[in-house]
Amino acid sequence: MLPGEILKLVNELRVRHGVPEVRYANTGVAQYRANYMLTERLFHHYDKHGFPPFYHFTRLGNYFYSEEALGFVHFENYPEHKVKDLVRKVVLDMVYNDSESGWGHRDTLLDPCFNYADVGVARDGENVYVNITMVSAWIHWLIPPRVRDGVFYSRGRVFNMAPEKVTIFRTEVSRVNLGKKYYDLGEPVAMVLPSPYYARGIETIRPRTWRMGQELELEFTLPRVGGLVSVVISGRDLRGMRWEPMTSKRVGECNLLCYPHVSG
């Protein structure tokens, strides 16, 4: 199947489950990840160094939140129509036969928080690798996220969402990650909160600038921890969307940004 055919199938599945279709976004990451898996013969969310997919999403210039779903087909001397049928079955299984993955692929593809998607396909004579990257792009950045001298800053306008929380996650970048069945953001190490609020059980970071509405502006110092440190902005979906996740995702809560930064 071509990327456009896969995206059409994803949208058919979303409509069937009562969630809006997504539009195509050329993020560059879906094809990069598909090519990487084919070249390295590594069917995994983490790359061979232990970097998660959202690191590459941001590295390629995408300042939003994303999740990826991966598919793989091995075939020998199959006619082209049969190969397409196998790829189609892989995508359908992501939604209807995903218990082995804890239904994570299903909820990634059906999550109404996502309004865009990118699809990458890489193949040789016997293998097809598919990457579907779902994108939550609800912020028009006036100043895209950046980190300078340990200080995070961003400014933009938010549409259809009400930003509410800023959480800092940390994870190790290591080949050990290749032993994981799933990928994640890591462990929460801090929250950014204005006075007088405090985070429970993790560090509280006081922001220098805190505007959390349709006009978004944030400035704060990142915690001094090593590894891959990710700033995650989450918020409330103002569209009143209803769906039935089968993972721990919460209806009406959407992640709007994941900005990973390699910390010394």
C-alpha atoms as a PDB file:
ATOM      1  CA  MET A   1       0.000   0.000   0.000  1.00  0.00           C
ATOM      2  CA  LEU A   2       1.136   3.516  -0.700  1.00  0.00           C
ATOM      3  CA  PRO A   3       1.284   6.036   2.184  1.00  0.00           C
ATOM      4  CA  GLY A   4      -1.847   7.752   0.893  1.00  0.00           C
ATOM      5  CA  GLU A   5      -3.772   4.472   0.908  1.00  0.00           C
ATOM      6  CA  ILE A   6      -2.695   3.773   4.486  1.00  0.00           C
ATOM      7  CA  LEU A   7      -3.778   7.245   5.597  1.00  0.00           C
ATOM      8  CA  LYS A   8      -7.145   6.715   3.913  1.00  0.00           C
ATOM      9  CA  LEU A   9      -7.551   3.442   5.825  1.00  0.00           C
ATOM     10  CA  VAL A  10      -6.642   5.147   9.114  1.00  0.00           C
ATOM     11  CA  ASN A  11      -9.304   7.776   8.480  1.00  0.00           C
ATOM     12  CA  GLU A  12     -11.872   5.106   7.630  1.00  0.00           C
ATOM     13  CA  LEU A  13     -11.136   3.463  10.976  1.00  0.00           C
ATOM     14  CA  ARG A  14     -11.391   6.772  12.823  1.00  0.00           C
ATOM     15  CA  VAL A  15     -14.749   7.614  11.243  1.00  0.00           C
ATOM     16  CA  ARG A  16     -15.981   4.107  12.064  1.00  0.00           C
ATOM     17  CA  HIS A  17     -15.153   4.804  15.725  1.00  0.00           C
ATOM     18  CA  GLY A  18     -16.732   8.256  15.760  1.00  0.00           C
ATOM     19  CA  VAL A  19     -13.603  10.423  15.811  1.00  0.00           C
ATOM     20  CA  PRO A  20     -12.584  13.077  13.254  1.00  0.00           C
ATOM     21  CA  GLU A  21     -10.339  12.290  10.323  1.00  0.00           C
ATOM     22  CA  VAL A  22      -6.739  13.499  10.339  1.00  0.00           C
ATOM     23  CA  ARG A  23      -5.029  15.508   7.635  1.00  0.00           C
ATOM     24  CA  TYR A  24      -1.723  14.611   6.052  1.00  0.00           C
ATOM     25  CA  ALA A  25       1.381  16.303   7.440  1.00  0.00           C
ATOM     26  CA  ASN A  26       4.805  15.933   5.854  1.00  0.00           C
ATOM     27  CA  THR A  27       6.820  15.923   9.059  1.00  0.00           C
ATOM     28  CA  GLY A  28       9.719  14.026   7.528  1.00  0.00           C
ATOM     29  CA  VAL A  29       9.886  11.683  10.489  1.00  0.00           C
ATOM     30  CA  ALA A  30       7.611   8.868   9.274  1.00  0.00           C
ATOM     31  CA  GLN A  31       9.647   8.177   6.143  1.00  0.00           C
ATOM     32  CA  TYR A  32      12.891   8.691   8.036  1.00  0.00           C
ATOM     33  CA  ARG A  33      11.877   6.118  10.636  1.00  0.00           C
ATOM     34  CA  ALA A  34      10.642   3.622   8.005  1.00  0.00           C
ATOM     35  CA  ASN A  35      13.887   3.966   6.038  1.00  0.00           C
ATOM     36  CA  TYR A  36      15.905   3.604   9.239  1.00  0.00           C
ATOM     37  CA  MET A  37      14.166   0.375  10.225  1.00  0.00           C
ATOM     38  CA  LEU A  38      14.743  -1.087   6.765  1.00  0.00           C
ATOM     39  CA  THR A  39      18.396  -0.048   6.598  1.00  0.00           C
ATOM     40  CA  GLU A  40      19.201  -1.201  10.123  1.00  0.00           C
ATOM     41  CA  ARG A  41      16.856  -4.206  10.041  1.00  0.00           C
ATOM     42  CA  LEU A  42      15.573  -2.955  13.371  1.00  0.00           C
ATOM     43  CA  PHE A  43      11.824  -3.169  13.898  1.00  0.00           C
ATOM     44  CA  HIS A  44      11.587  -1.174  17.105  1.00  0.00           C
ATOM     45  CA  HIS A  45      10.357   2.162  18.427  1.00  0.00           C
ATOM     46  CA  TYR A  46      13.825   3.003  19.752  1.00  0.00           C
ATOM     47  CA  ASP A  47      16.783   3.509  17.416  1.00  0.00           C
ATOM     48  CA  LYS A  48      19.967   1.508  17.859  1.00  0.00           C
ATOM     49  CA  HIS A  49      21.364   4.096  20.291  1.00  0.00           C
ATOM     50  CA  GLY A  50      18.243   4.068  22.469  1.00  0.00           C
ATOM     51  CA  PHE A  51      16.631   7.334  21.341  1.00  0.00           C
ATOM     52  CA  PRO A  52      12.794   7.286  21.301  1.00  0.00           C
ATOM     53  CA  PRO A  53      10.797   8.328  18.217  1.00  0.00           C
ATOM     54  CA  PHE A  54       9.660  11.673  19.637  1.00  0.00           C
ATOM     55  CA  TYR A  55      13.309  12.741  19.806  1.00  0.00           C
ATOM     56  CA  HIS A  56      13.591  12.376  16.013  1.00  0.00           C
ATOM     57  CA  PHE A  57      10.199  14.058  15.521  1.00  0.00           C
ATOM     58  CA  THR A  58      11.516  17.195  17.226  1.00  0.00           C
ATOM     59  CA  ARG A  59      15.010  16.889  15.714  1.00  0.00           C
ATOM     60  CA  LEU A  60      13.424  17.160  12.275  1.00  0.00           C
ATOM     61  CA  GLY A  61      11.767  20.459  13.214  1.00  0.00           C
ATOM     62  CA  ASN A  62       8.326  19.445  14.499  1.00  0.00           C
ATOM     63  CA  TYR A  63       7.329  21.291  17.681  1.00  0.00           C
ATOM     64  CA  PHE A  64       4.159  19.456  18.636  1.00  0.00           C
ATOM     65  CA  TYR A  65       3.194  16.174  20.287  1.00  0.00           C
ATOM     66  CA  SER A  66       3.361  12.892  18.390  1.00  0.00           C
ATOM     67  CA  GLU A  67       2.999   9.138  18.772  1.00  0.00           C
ATOM     68  CA  GLU A  68       3.997   6.438  16.307  1.00  0.00           C
ATOM     69  CA  ALA A  69       2.503   3.089  15.331  1.00  0.00           C
ATOM     70  CA  LEU A  70       4.772   0.610  13.535  1.00  0.00           C
ATOM     71  CA  GLY A  71       4.018  -2.260  11.190  1.00  0.00           C
ATOM     72  CA  PHE A  72       6.159  -4.915   9.541  1.00  0.00           C
ATOM     73  CA  VAL A  73       5.469  -7.453   6.797  1.00  0.00           C
ATOM     74  CA  HIS A  74       7.789 -10.193   5.586  1.00  0.00           C
ATOM     75  CA  PHE A  75       6.935 -11.891   2.292  1.00  0.00           C
ATOM     76  CA  GLU A  76       8.523 -14.204  -0.275  1.00  0.00           C
ATOM     77  CA  ASN A  77       7.501 -14.339  -3.942  1.00  0.00           C
ATOM     78  CA  TYR A  78       4.131 -12.753  -3.253  1.00  0.00           C
ATOM     79  CA  PRO A  79       2.244 -10.857  -5.990  1.00  0.00           C
ATOM     80  CA  GLU A  80       1.913  -7.145  -5.381  1.00  0.00           C
ATOM     81  CA  HIS A  81      -1.779  -7.291  -4.537  1.00  0.00           C
ATOM     82  CA  LYS A  82      -1.038  -9.875  -1.848  1.00  0.00           C
ATOM     83  CA  VAL A  83       1.632  -7.635  -0.310  1.00  0.00           C
ATOM     84  CA  LYS A  84      -0.905  -4.797  -0.186  1.00  0.00           C
ATOM     85  CA  ASP A  85      -3.404  -7.091   1.511  1.00  0.00           C
ATOM     86  CA  LEU A  86      -0.802  -7.995   4.148  1.00  0.00           C
ATOM     87  CA  VAL A  87      -0.021  -4.347   4.857  1.00  0.00           C
ATOM     88  CA  ARG A  88      -3.725  -3.576   5.116  1.00  0.00           C
ATOM     89  CA  LYS A  89      -4.129  -6.441   7.590  1.00  0.00           C
ATOM     90  CA  VAL A  90      -1.251  -5.073   9.702  1.00  0.00           C
ATOM     91  CA  VAL A  91      -3.004  -1.696   9.999  1.00  0.00           C
ATOM     92  CA  LEU A  92      -6.355  -3.317  10.799  1.00  0.00           C
ATOM     93  CA  ASP A  93      -4.689  -5.487  13.441  1.00  0.00           C
ATOM     94  CA  MET A  94      -3.343  -2.324  15.100  1.00  0.00           C
ATOM     95  CA  VAL A  95      -6.945  -1.436  15.933  1.00  0.00           C
ATOM     96  CA  TYR A  96      -8.732  -4.793  16.245  1.00  0.00           C
ATOM     97  CA  ASN A  97      -6.032  -7.248  17.330  1.00  0.00           C
ATOM     98  CA  ASP A  98      -3.649  -5.213  19.462  1.00  0.00           C
ATOM     99  CA  SER A  99      -3.918  -6.862  22.879  1.00  0.00           C
ATOM    100  CA  GLU A 100      -0.285  -8.015  22.745  1.00  0.00           C
ATOM    101  CA  SER A 101       0.747  -4.357  22.620  1.00  0.00           C
ATOM    102  CA  GLY A 102      -1.696  -3.347  25.347  1.00  0.00           C
ATOM    103  CA  TRP A 103      -3.925  -1.659  22.725  1.00  0.00           C
ATOM    104  CA  GLY A 104      -1.399   1.152  22.415  1.00  0.00           C
ATOM    105  CA  HIS A 105      -1.428   1.137  18.604  1.00  0.00           C
ATOM    106  CA  ARG A 106      -5.217   1.227  18.632  1.00  0.00           C
ATOM    107  CA  ASP A 107      -5.441   4.227  20.918  1.00  0.00           C
ATOM    108  CA  THR A 108      -2.710   6.053  19.013  1.00  0.00           C
ATOM    109  CA  LEU A 109      -4.555   5.694  15.709  1.00  0.00           C
ATOM    110  CA  LEU A 110      -8.014   6.496  17.122  1.00  0.00           C
ATOM    111  CA  ASP A 111      -7.146   9.271  19.584  1.00  0.00           C
ATOM    112  CA  PRO A 112      -9.200  12.390  18.670  1.00  0.00           C
ATOM    113  CA  CYS A 113      -6.411  14.566  20.103  1.00  0.00           C
ATOM    114  CA  PHE A 114      -4.517  13.961  16.866  1.00  0.00           C
ATOM    115  CA  ASN A 115      -5.475  16.140  13.913  1.00  0.00           C
ATOM    116  CA  TYR A 116      -2.630  15.254  11.520  1.00  0.00           C
ATOM    117  CA  ALA A 117      -0.755  12.133  10.485  1.00  0.00           C
ATOM    118  CA  ASP A 118       2.356  11.268   8.516  1.00  0.00           C
ATOM    119  CA  VAL A 119       2.926   7.872   6.898  1.00  0.00           C
ATOM    120  CA  GLY A 120       6.222   6.356   5.798  1.00  0.00           C
ATOM    121  CA  VAL A 121       6.728   3.096   3.904  1.00  0.00           C
ATOM    122  CA  ALA A 122      10.085   1.452   3.147  1.00  0.00           C
ATOM    123  CA  ARG A 123      10.531  -1.892   1.443  1.00  0.00           C
ATOM    124  CA  ASP A 124      12.852  -4.243  -0.354  1.00  0.00           C
ATOM    125  CA  GLY A 125      12.167  -7.539  -2.104  1.00  0.00           C
ATOM    126  CA  GLU A 126      11.022  -9.329   1.048  1.00  0.00           C
ATOM    127  CA  ASN A 127      10.146  -6.773   3.731  1.00  0.00           C
ATOM    128  CA  VAL A 128       7.864  -3.794   4.254  1.00  0.00           C
ATOM    129  CA  TYR A 129       8.247  -1.386   7.171  1.00  0.00           C
ATOM    130  CA  VAL A 130       5.395   1.016   7.945  1.00  0.00           C
ATOM    131  CA  ASN A 131       5.492   4.047  10.223  1.00  0.00           C
ATOM    132  CA  ILE A 132       2.321   5.973  11.061  1.00  0.00           C
ATOM    133  CA  THR A 133       3.113   9.096  13.064  1.00  0.00           C
ATOM    134  CA  MET A 134       0.060  10.765  14.588  1.00  0.00           C
ATOM    135  CA  VAL A 135       0.430  14.472  15.349  1.00  0.00           C
ATOM    136  CA  SER A 136      -1.371  16.748  17.798  1.00  0.00           C
ATOM    137  CA  ALA A 137      -0.825  20.215  16.268  1.00  0.00           C
ATOM    138  CA  TRP A 138      -2.982  22.785  18.020  1.00  0.00           C
ATOM    139  CA  ILE A 139      -0.432  25.545  18.623  1.00  0.00           C
ATOM    140  CA  HIS A 140       0.645  28.219  16.179  1.00  0.00           C
ATOM    141  CA  TRP A 141       4.134  29.061  17.357  1.00  0.00           C
ATOM    142  CA  LEU A 142       5.187  32.694  17.348  1.00  0.00           C
ATOM    143  CA  ILE A 143       8.462  31.683  18.988  1.00  0.00           C
ATOM    144  CA  PRO A 144       9.006  27.906  18.758  1.00  0.00           C
ATOM    145  CA  PRO A 145      10.199  26.021  21.843  1.00  0.00           C
ATOM    146  CA  ARG A 146      13.891  26.347  22.606  1.00  0.00           C
ATOM    147  CA  VAL A 147      16.367  25.762  25.408  1.00  0.00           C
ATOM    148  CA  ARG A 148      19.216  28.177  26.011  1.00  0.00           C
ATOM    149  CA  ASP A 149      21.546  27.962  28.991  1.00  0.00           C
ATOM    150  CA  GLY A 150      19.156  25.545  30.632  1.00  0.00           C
ATOM    151  CA  VAL A 151      16.123  27.842  30.215  1.00  0.00           C
ATOM    152  CA  PHE A 152      13.064  26.740  28.233  1.00  0.00           C
ATOM    153  CA  TYR A 153      11.068  29.394  26.361  1.00  0.00           C
ATOM    154  CA  SER A 154       8.159  29.355  23.916  1.00  0.00           C
ATOM    155  CA  ARG A 155       5.297  31.594  22.821  1.00  0.00           C
ATOM    156  CA  GLY A 156       2.278  30.861  20.638  1.00  0.00           C
ATOM    157  CA  ARG A 157      -1.477  30.779  20.151  1.00  0.00           C
ATOM    158  CA  VAL A 158      -3.544  27.724  21.053  1.00  0.00           C
ATOM    159  CA  PHE A 159      -6.620  26.555  19.135  1.00  0.00           C
ATOM    160  CA  ASN A 160      -9.436  24.269  20.353  1.00  0.00           C
ATOM    161  CA  MET A 161      -7.474  23.330  23.464  1.00  0.00           C
ATOM    162  CA  ALA A 162      -6.997  24.832  26.926  1.00  0.00           C
ATOM    163  CA  PRO A 163      -3.405  24.251  28.109  1.00  0.00           C
ATOM    164  CA  GLU A 164      -3.310  23.317  31.782  1.00  0.00           C
ATOM    165  CA  LYS A 165      -0.183  21.406  32.796  1.00  0.00           C
ATOM    166  CA  VAL A 166       3.549  21.408  32.157  1.00  0.00           C
ATOM    167  CA  THR A 167       5.321  18.218  33.196  1.00  0.00           C
ATOM    168  CA  ILE A 168       9.015  17.399  32.857  1.00  0.00           C
ATOM    169  CA  PHE A 169       9.947  13.795  32.083  1.00  0.00           C
ATOM    170  CA  ARG A 170      13.362  12.178  32.104  1.00  0.00           C
ATOM    171  CA  THR A 171      14.578   8.980  30.459  1.00  0.00           C
ATOM    172  CA  GLU A 172      17.923   7.345  29.814  1.00  0.00           C
ATOM    173  CA  VAL A 173      19.280   7.119  26.278  1.00  0.00           C
ATOM    174  CA  SER A 174      20.744   3.638  26.180  1.00  0.00           C
ATOM    175  CA  ARG A 175      20.744   0.465  24.119  1.00  0.00           C
ATOM    176  CA  VAL A 176      19.012  -1.070  27.111  1.00  0.00           C
ATOM    177  CA  ASN A 177      15.842   0.556  25.743  1.00  0.00           C
ATOM    178  CA  LEU A 178      15.869  -1.992  22.912  1.00  0.00           C
ATOM    179  CA  GLY A 179      14.755  -4.533  25.486  1.00  0.00           C
ATOM    180  CA  LYS A 180      11.507  -2.640  26.081  1.00  0.00           C
ATOM    181  CA  LYS A 181       8.306  -3.772  24.433  1.00  0.00           C
ATOM    182  CA  TYR A 182       6.890  -0.249  24.347  1.00  0.00           C
ATOM    183  CA  TYR A 183       8.310   3.255  24.410  1.00  0.00           C
ATOM    184  CA  ASP A 184       7.358   6.000  26.810  1.00  0.00           C
ATOM    185  CA  LEU A 185       8.269   9.502  27.937  1.00  0.00           C
ATOM    186  CA  GLY A 186      10.176   8.234  30.965  1.00  0.00           C
ATOM    187  CA  GLU A 187       9.597   9.178  34.575  1.00  0.00           C
ATOM    188  CA  PRO A 188       8.051  12.498  35.645  1.00  0.00           C
ATOM    189  CA  VAL A 189      10.677  14.469  37.581  1.00  0.00           C
ATOM    190  CA  ALA A 190       9.072  17.905  37.895  1.00  0.00           C
ATOM    191  CA  MET A 191       6.066  20.092  37.198  1.00  0.00           C
ATOM    192  CA  VAL A 192       6.095  23.773  36.338  1.00  0.00           C
ATOM    193  CA  LEU A 193       3.629  25.586  38.604  1.00  0.00           C
ATOM    194  CA  PRO A 194       3.122  29.201  39.634  1.00  0.00           C
ATOM    195  CA  SER A 195       2.966  30.084  43.326  1.00  0.00           C
ATOM    196  CA  PRO A 196       1.331  28.997  45.586  1.00  0.00           C
ATOM    197  CA  TYR A 197       0.867  25.558  43.972  1.00  0.00           C
ATOM    198  CA  TYR A 198       3.170  22.588  44.517  1.00  0.00           C
ATOM    199  CA  ALA A 199       3.606  19.278  42.730  1.00  0.00           C
ATOM    200  CA  ARG A 200       3.128  16.142  44.795  1.00  0.00           C
ATOM    201  CA  GLY A 201       6.098  13.781  45.010  1.00  0.00           C
ATOM    202  CA  ILE A 202       8.253  15.507  42.400  1.00  0.00           C
ATOM    203  CA  GLU A 203      10.102  18.818  42.056  1.00  0.00           C
ATOM    204  CA  THR A 204       8.128  22.031  41.656  1.00  0.00           C
ATOM    205  CA  ILE A 205       9.627  24.557  39.220  1.00  0.00           C
ATOM    206  CA  ARG A 206       8.530  28.192  39.491  1.00  0.00           C
ATOM    207  CA  PRO A 207       8.155  29.756  36.044  1.00  0.00           C
ATOM    208  CA  ARG A 208       9.656  33.082  35.054  1.00  0.00           C
ATOM    209  CA  THR A 209       6.732  33.549  32.651  1.00  0.00           C
ATOM    210  CA  TRP A 210       3.416  31.700  32.882  1.00  0.00           C
ATOM    211  CA  ARG A 211       0.636  32.431  30.392  1.00  0.00           C
ATOM    212  CA  MET A 212      -1.495  29.325  29.968  1.00  0.00           C
ATOM    213  CA  GLY A 213      -4.482  30.242  27.840  1.00  0.00           C
ATOM    214  CA  GLN A 214      -5.216  30.795  24.180  1.00  0.00           C
ATOM    215  CA  GLU A 215      -2.155  33.021  24.365  1.00  0.00           C
ATOM    216  CA  LEU A 216       0.630  30.732  25.530  1.00  0.00           C
ATOM    217  CA  GLU A 217       3.982  31.916  26.859  1.00  0.00           C
ATOM    218  CA  LEU A 218       6.292  29.883  29.062  1.00  0.00           C
ATOM    219  CA  GLU A 219       9.749  30.463  30.458  1.00  0.00           C
ATOM    220  CA  PHE A 220      11.392  28.372  33.168  1.00  0.00           C
ATOM    221  CA  THR A 221      14.646  26.697  34.155  1.00  0.00           C
ATOM    222  CA  LEU A 222      14.900  22.996  33.444  1.00  0.00           C
ATOM    223  CA  PRO A 223      15.795  20.653  36.304  1.00  0.00           C
ATOM    224  CA  ARG A 224      19.452  19.666  36.532  1.00  0.00           C
ATOM    225  CA  VAL A 225      19.212  16.011  35.606  1.00  0.00           C
ATOM    226  CA  GLY A 226      21.036  14.067  32.946  1.00  0.00           C
ATOM    227  CA  GLY A 227      19.607  12.038  30.094  1.00  0.00           C
ATOM    228  CA  LEU A 228      16.785  12.988  27.758  1.00  0.00           C
ATOM    229  CA  VAL A 229      14.617  15.632  29.426  1.00  0.00           C
ATOM    230  CA  SER A 230      11.221  16.269  27.813  1.00  0.00           C
ATOM    231  CA  VAL A 231       8.881  19.217  28.372  1.00  0.00           C
ATOM    232  CA  VAL A 232       5.275  18.071  27.928  1.00  0.00           C
ATOM    233  CA  ILE A 233       2.398  20.530  27.746  1.00  0.00           C
ATOM    234  CA  SER A 234      -1.034  18.970  28.171  1.00  0.00           C
ATOM    235  CA  GLY A 235      -4.487  20.488  28.181  1.00  0.00           C
ATOM    236  CA  ARG A 236      -8.221  20.082  27.979  1.00  0.00           C
ATOM    237  CA  ASP A 237      -9.962  19.421  24.663  1.00  0.00           C
ATOM    238  CA  LEU A 238     -12.584  22.136  24.186  1.00  0.00           C
ATOM    239  CA  ARG A 239     -14.356  20.316  21.350  1.00  0.00           C
ATOM    240  CA  GLY A 240     -16.209  17.896  23.630  1.00  0.00           C
ATOM    241  CA  MET A 241     -14.973  14.799  21.808  1.00  0.00           C
ATOM    242  CA  ARG A 242     -16.022  11.409  23.144  1.00  0.00           C
ATOM    243  CA  TRP A 243     -14.275   8.105  22.509  1.00  0.00           C
ATOM    244  CA  GLU A 244     -13.443   4.884  24.330  1.00  0.00           C
ATOM    245  CA  PRO A 245      -9.717   4.418  24.938  1.00  0.00           C
ATOM    246  CA  MET A 246      -8.490   0.980  25.966  1.00  0.00           C
ATOM    247  CA  THR A 247      -5.273   2.280  27.529  1.00  0.00           C
ATOM    248  CA  SER A 248      -4.718   4.774  30.343  1.00  0.00           C
ATOM    249  CA  LYS A 249      -5.463   7.730  28.078  1.00  0.00           C
ATOM    250  CA  ARG A 250      -8.051  10.114  29.515  1.00  0.00           C
ATOM    251  CA  VAL A 251     -10.999  11.297  27.475  1.00  0.00           C
ATOM    252  CA  GLY A 252     -10.831  15.052  26.991  1.00  0.00           C
ATOM    253  CA  GLU A 253      -7.150  15.402  27.883  1.00  0.00           C
ATOM    254  CA  CYS A 254      -4.636  16.004  25.108  1.00  0.00           C
ATOM    255  CA  ASN A 255      -0.887  16.432  24.972  1.00  0.00           C
ATOM    256  CA  LEU A 256       0.029  19.500  22.937  1.00  0.00           C
ATOM    257  CA  LEU A 257       3.814  19.442  22.975  1.00  0.00           C
ATOM    258  CA  CYS A 258       6.686  17.113  23.723  1.00  0.00           C
ATOM    259  CA  TYR A 259      10.000  18.923  23.513  1.00  0.00           C
ATOM    260  CA  PRO A 260      12.945  16.609  24.289  1.00  0.00           C
ATOM    261  CA  HIS A 261      16.341  18.052  25.195  1.00  0.00           C
ATOM    262  CA  VAL A 262      19.546  16.106  25.759  1.00  0.00           C
ATOM    263  CA  SER A 263      20.868  17.187  29.124  1.00  0.00           C
ATOM    264  CA  GLY A 264      24.451  16.684  30.295  1.00  0.00           C
END
